[in-house]
Amino acid sequence: MPIYEFKCNKCGHKFEELRLSSSGFKDVGCPKCGAKKVTKEMSSFAASVPASASAPPCGGTPPRGGCGGGMCGMH
């Protein structure tokens, strides 16, 4: 289930809600003032990478350049 970010049009409070996108957003209300007029905000994307993913897949030295300076370990 994705997390969506909202901003209250009445008090300006920003908040997040975990919900199915198929359920719509008409019932979303501000948890601070209770107003029902909110705007869905653009969210930044974040990913969690396991510690084992930082090592190159073949056990060699990570490549340099193109891929964040070799940080991802992809060839």
N, C-alpha and C. Protein backbone atom coordinates (compact mmCIF):
# COMPACT_ATOMS: atom_id res chain seq x y z
N MET A 1 0.84 -1.16 0.00
CA MET A 1 0.00 0.00 0.00
C MET A 1 0.90 1.24 0.00
N PRO A 2 0.70 2.16 -0.93
CA PRO A 2 1.55 3.35 -0.99
C PRO A 2 1.18 4.41 0.06
N ILE A 3 2.16 5.23 0.40
CA ILE A 3 1.96 6.36 1.29
C ILE A 3 1.80 7.60 0.42
N TYR A 4 0.73 8.34 0.65
CA TYR A 4 0.47 9.57 -0.09
C TYR A 4 0.63 10.76 0.84
N GLU A 5 1.14 11.86 0.29
CA GLU A 5 1.31 13.09 1.05
C GLU A 5 0.21 14.07 0.67
N PHE A 6 -0.32 14.75 1.67
CA PHE A 6 -1.39 15.72 1.46
C PHE A 6 -1.07 17.02 2.18
N LYS A 7 -1.72 18.10 1.72
CA LYS A 7 -1.62 19.40 2.39
C LYS A 7 -3.03 19.94 2.54
N CYS A 8 -3.35 20.37 3.75
CA CYS A 8 -4.67 20.92 4.03
C CYS A 8 -4.79 22.30 3.40
N ASN A 9 -5.89 22.53 2.67
CA ASN A 9 -6.12 23.82 2.03
C ASN A 9 -6.55 24.89 3.04
N LYS A 10 -7.01 24.46 4.22
CA LYS A 10 -7.49 25.41 5.23
C LYS A 10 -6.36 25.88 6.16
N CYS A 11 -5.64 24.92 6.79
CA CYS A 11 -4.64 25.30 7.79
C CYS A 11 -3.19 25.12 7.31
N GLY A 12 -3.00 24.48 6.13
CA GLY A 12 -1.66 24.30 5.59
C GLY A 12 -0.88 23.12 6.16
N HIS A 13 -1.51 22.36 7.05
CA HIS A 13 -0.84 21.20 7.66
C HIS A 13 -0.52 20.15 6.60
N LYS A 14 0.73 19.64 6.62
CA LYS A 14 1.12 18.57 5.71
C LYS A 14 1.11 17.26 6.48
N PHE A 15 0.56 16.21 5.84
CA PHE A 15 0.46 14.91 6.49
C PHE A 15 0.51 13.80 5.46
N GLU A 16 0.72 12.58 5.94
CA GLU A 16 0.81 11.40 5.07
C GLU A 16 -0.29 10.42 5.44
N GLU A 17 -0.73 9.65 4.45
CA GLU A 17 -1.70 8.58 4.68
C GLU A 17 -1.32 7.36 3.87
N LEU A 18 -1.44 6.21 4.48
CA LEU A 18 -1.19 4.93 3.83
C LEU A 18 -2.54 4.46 3.32
N ARG A 19 -2.67 4.33 1.98
CA ARG A 19 -3.97 3.92 1.43
C ARG A 19 -3.84 3.36 0.03
N LEU A 20 -4.85 2.61 -0.36
CA LEU A 20 -4.92 2.09 -1.72
C LEU A 20 -5.31 3.23 -2.65
N SER A 21 -4.64 3.33 -3.78
CA SER A 21 -4.97 4.40 -4.72
C SER A 21 -6.35 4.17 -5.33
N SER A 22 -6.78 2.92 -5.41
CA SER A 22 -8.08 2.61 -6.00
C SER A 22 -9.24 3.06 -5.11
N SER A 23 -8.97 3.34 -3.83
CA SER A 23 -10.04 3.76 -2.93
C SER A 23 -10.37 5.24 -3.08
N GLY A 24 -9.55 5.97 -3.84
CA GLY A 24 -9.80 7.39 -4.06
C GLY A 24 -9.29 8.23 -2.90
N PHE A 25 -9.47 9.55 -3.04
CA PHE A 25 -8.95 10.45 -2.03
C PHE A 25 -10.02 11.41 -1.50
N LYS A 26 -11.29 11.20 -1.87
CA LYS A 26 -12.35 12.13 -1.48
C LYS A 26 -12.63 12.11 0.02
N ASP A 27 -12.32 11.03 0.69
CA ASP A 27 -12.62 10.94 2.12
C ASP A 27 -11.43 11.35 3.00
N VAL A 28 -10.36 11.85 2.40
CA VAL A 28 -9.18 12.25 3.16
C VAL A 28 -9.48 13.58 3.85
N GLY A 29 -9.21 13.64 5.15
CA GLY A 29 -9.40 14.86 5.91
C GLY A 29 -8.15 15.21 6.69
N CYS A 30 -7.99 16.47 7.00
CA CYS A 30 -6.84 16.94 7.75
C CYS A 30 -6.93 16.44 9.19
N PRO A 31 -5.87 15.77 9.68
CA PRO A 31 -5.89 15.28 11.06
C PRO A 31 -5.77 16.39 12.10
N LYS A 32 -5.34 17.58 11.65
CA LYS A 32 -5.14 18.70 12.59
C LYS A 32 -6.42 19.51 12.79
N CYS A 33 -7.06 19.93 11.68
CA CYS A 33 -8.25 20.79 11.81
C CYS A 33 -9.54 20.11 11.37
N GLY A 34 -9.45 18.94 10.71
CA GLY A 34 -10.63 18.20 10.29
C GLY A 34 -11.21 18.62 8.95
N ALA A 35 -10.60 19.60 8.29
CA ALA A 35 -11.11 20.06 6.99
C ALA A 35 -11.02 18.94 5.97
N LYS A 36 -11.98 18.90 5.06
CA LYS A 36 -12.01 17.87 4.03
C LYS A 36 -11.37 18.32 2.72
N LYS A 37 -11.01 19.58 2.59
CA LYS A 37 -10.37 20.07 1.37
C LYS A 37 -8.86 19.98 1.53
N VAL A 38 -8.29 18.96 0.90
CA VAL A 38 -6.85 18.73 0.93
C VAL A 38 -6.34 18.57 -0.49
N THR A 39 -5.06 18.82 -0.67
CA THR A 39 -4.41 18.67 -1.97
C THR A 39 -3.38 17.57 -1.86
N LYS A 40 -3.41 16.65 -2.83
CA LYS A 40 -2.40 15.60 -2.87
C LYS A 40 -1.09 16.21 -3.35
N GLU A 41 -0.03 16.03 -2.58
CA GLU A 41 1.27 16.61 -2.90
C GLU A 41 2.13 15.61 -3.67
N MET A 42 3.14 16.12 -4.35
CA MET A 42 4.12 15.26 -5.00
C MET A 42 5.07 14.74 -3.93
N SER A 43 5.33 13.45 -3.97
CA SER A 43 6.21 12.83 -3.00
C SER A 43 7.57 12.55 -3.63
N SER A 44 8.59 12.60 -2.80
CA SER A 44 9.90 12.18 -3.28
C SER A 44 10.01 10.67 -3.10
N PHE A 45 10.75 10.03 -3.96
CA PHE A 45 10.87 8.58 -3.92
C PHE A 45 12.07 8.20 -3.06
N ALA A 46 11.91 7.21 -2.23
CA ALA A 46 13.03 6.70 -1.41
C ALA A 46 12.99 5.19 -1.45
N ALA A 47 14.15 4.58 -1.48
CA ALA A 47 14.23 3.12 -1.49
C ALA A 47 15.23 2.67 -0.45
N SER A 48 14.94 1.56 0.14
CA SER A 48 15.84 0.96 1.11
C SER A 48 16.63 -0.14 0.41
N VAL A 49 17.94 -0.11 0.57
CA VAL A 49 18.80 -1.09 -0.08
C VAL A 49 19.48 -1.93 0.99
N PRO A 50 19.38 -3.27 0.93
CA PRO A 50 20.05 -4.10 1.91
C PRO A 50 21.56 -3.91 1.86
N ALA A 51 22.24 -4.08 2.99
CA ALA A 51 23.69 -3.91 3.07
C ALA A 51 24.42 -4.80 2.07
N SER A 52 23.92 -5.99 1.80
CA SER A 52 24.57 -6.91 0.88
C SER A 52 24.53 -6.40 -0.56
N ALA A 53 23.61 -5.47 -0.86
CA ALA A 53 23.49 -4.95 -2.23
C ALA A 53 24.59 -3.95 -2.57
N SER A 54 25.34 -3.49 -1.57
CA SER A 54 26.39 -2.52 -1.86
C SER A 54 27.64 -3.18 -2.45
N ALA A 55 27.76 -4.49 -2.34
CA ALA A 55 28.90 -5.21 -2.91
C ALA A 55 28.62 -5.48 -4.38
N PRO A 56 29.65 -5.45 -5.23
CA PRO A 56 29.44 -5.76 -6.65
C PRO A 56 28.93 -7.20 -6.81
N PRO A 57 28.03 -7.43 -7.79
CA PRO A 57 27.45 -8.75 -7.96
C PRO A 57 28.46 -9.85 -8.30
N CYS A 58 29.59 -9.49 -8.90
CA CYS A 58 30.55 -10.52 -9.29
C CYS A 58 31.72 -10.62 -8.31
N GLY A 59 31.69 -9.83 -7.23
CA GLY A 59 32.76 -9.88 -6.24
C GLY A 59 33.96 -9.04 -6.61
N GLY A 60 33.94 -8.34 -7.75
CA GLY A 60 35.06 -7.49 -8.18
C GLY A 60 34.90 -6.08 -7.68
N THR A 61 35.68 -5.20 -8.22
CA THR A 61 35.64 -3.79 -7.87
C THR A 61 34.48 -3.12 -8.59
N PRO A 62 33.72 -2.29 -7.88
CA PRO A 62 32.61 -1.61 -8.55
C PRO A 62 33.11 -0.71 -9.67
N PRO A 63 32.34 -0.58 -10.76
CA PRO A 63 32.75 0.29 -11.86
C PRO A 63 32.69 1.75 -11.44
N ARG A 64 33.41 2.60 -12.14
CA ARG A 64 33.41 4.03 -11.85
C ARG A 64 32.67 4.78 -12.95
N GLY A 65 31.97 5.84 -12.55
CA GLY A 65 31.30 6.72 -13.50
C GLY A 65 29.97 6.19 -13.99
N GLY A 66 29.17 7.08 -14.53
CA GLY A 66 27.90 6.73 -15.15
C GLY A 66 26.81 6.33 -14.19
N CYS A 67 27.15 5.65 -13.15
CA CYS A 67 26.17 5.05 -12.25
C CYS A 67 26.37 5.61 -10.84
N GLY A 68 26.44 6.91 -10.70
CA GLY A 68 26.65 7.51 -9.40
C GLY A 68 28.05 7.28 -8.89
N GLY A 69 29.03 7.20 -9.77
CA GLY A 69 30.41 6.99 -9.35
C GLY A 69 30.68 5.56 -8.92
N GLY A 70 29.86 4.62 -9.38
CA GLY A 70 30.07 3.21 -9.04
C GLY A 70 29.40 2.79 -7.75
N MET A 71 28.57 3.65 -7.20
CA MET A 71 27.93 3.36 -5.91
C MET A 71 26.93 2.21 -5.98
N CYS A 72 26.34 1.99 -7.14
CA CYS A 72 25.29 0.96 -7.21
C CYS A 72 25.84 -0.43 -7.44
N GLY A 73 27.07 -0.57 -7.91
CA GLY A 73 27.65 -1.89 -8.13
C GLY A 73 27.16 -2.59 -9.39
N MET A 74 26.47 -1.86 -10.26
CA MET A 74 25.95 -2.48 -11.48
C MET A 74 27.01 -2.37 -12.58
N HIS A 75 27.00 -3.31 -13.52
CA HIS A 75 27.96 -3.29 -14.64
C HIS A 75 27.30 -2.85 -15.91
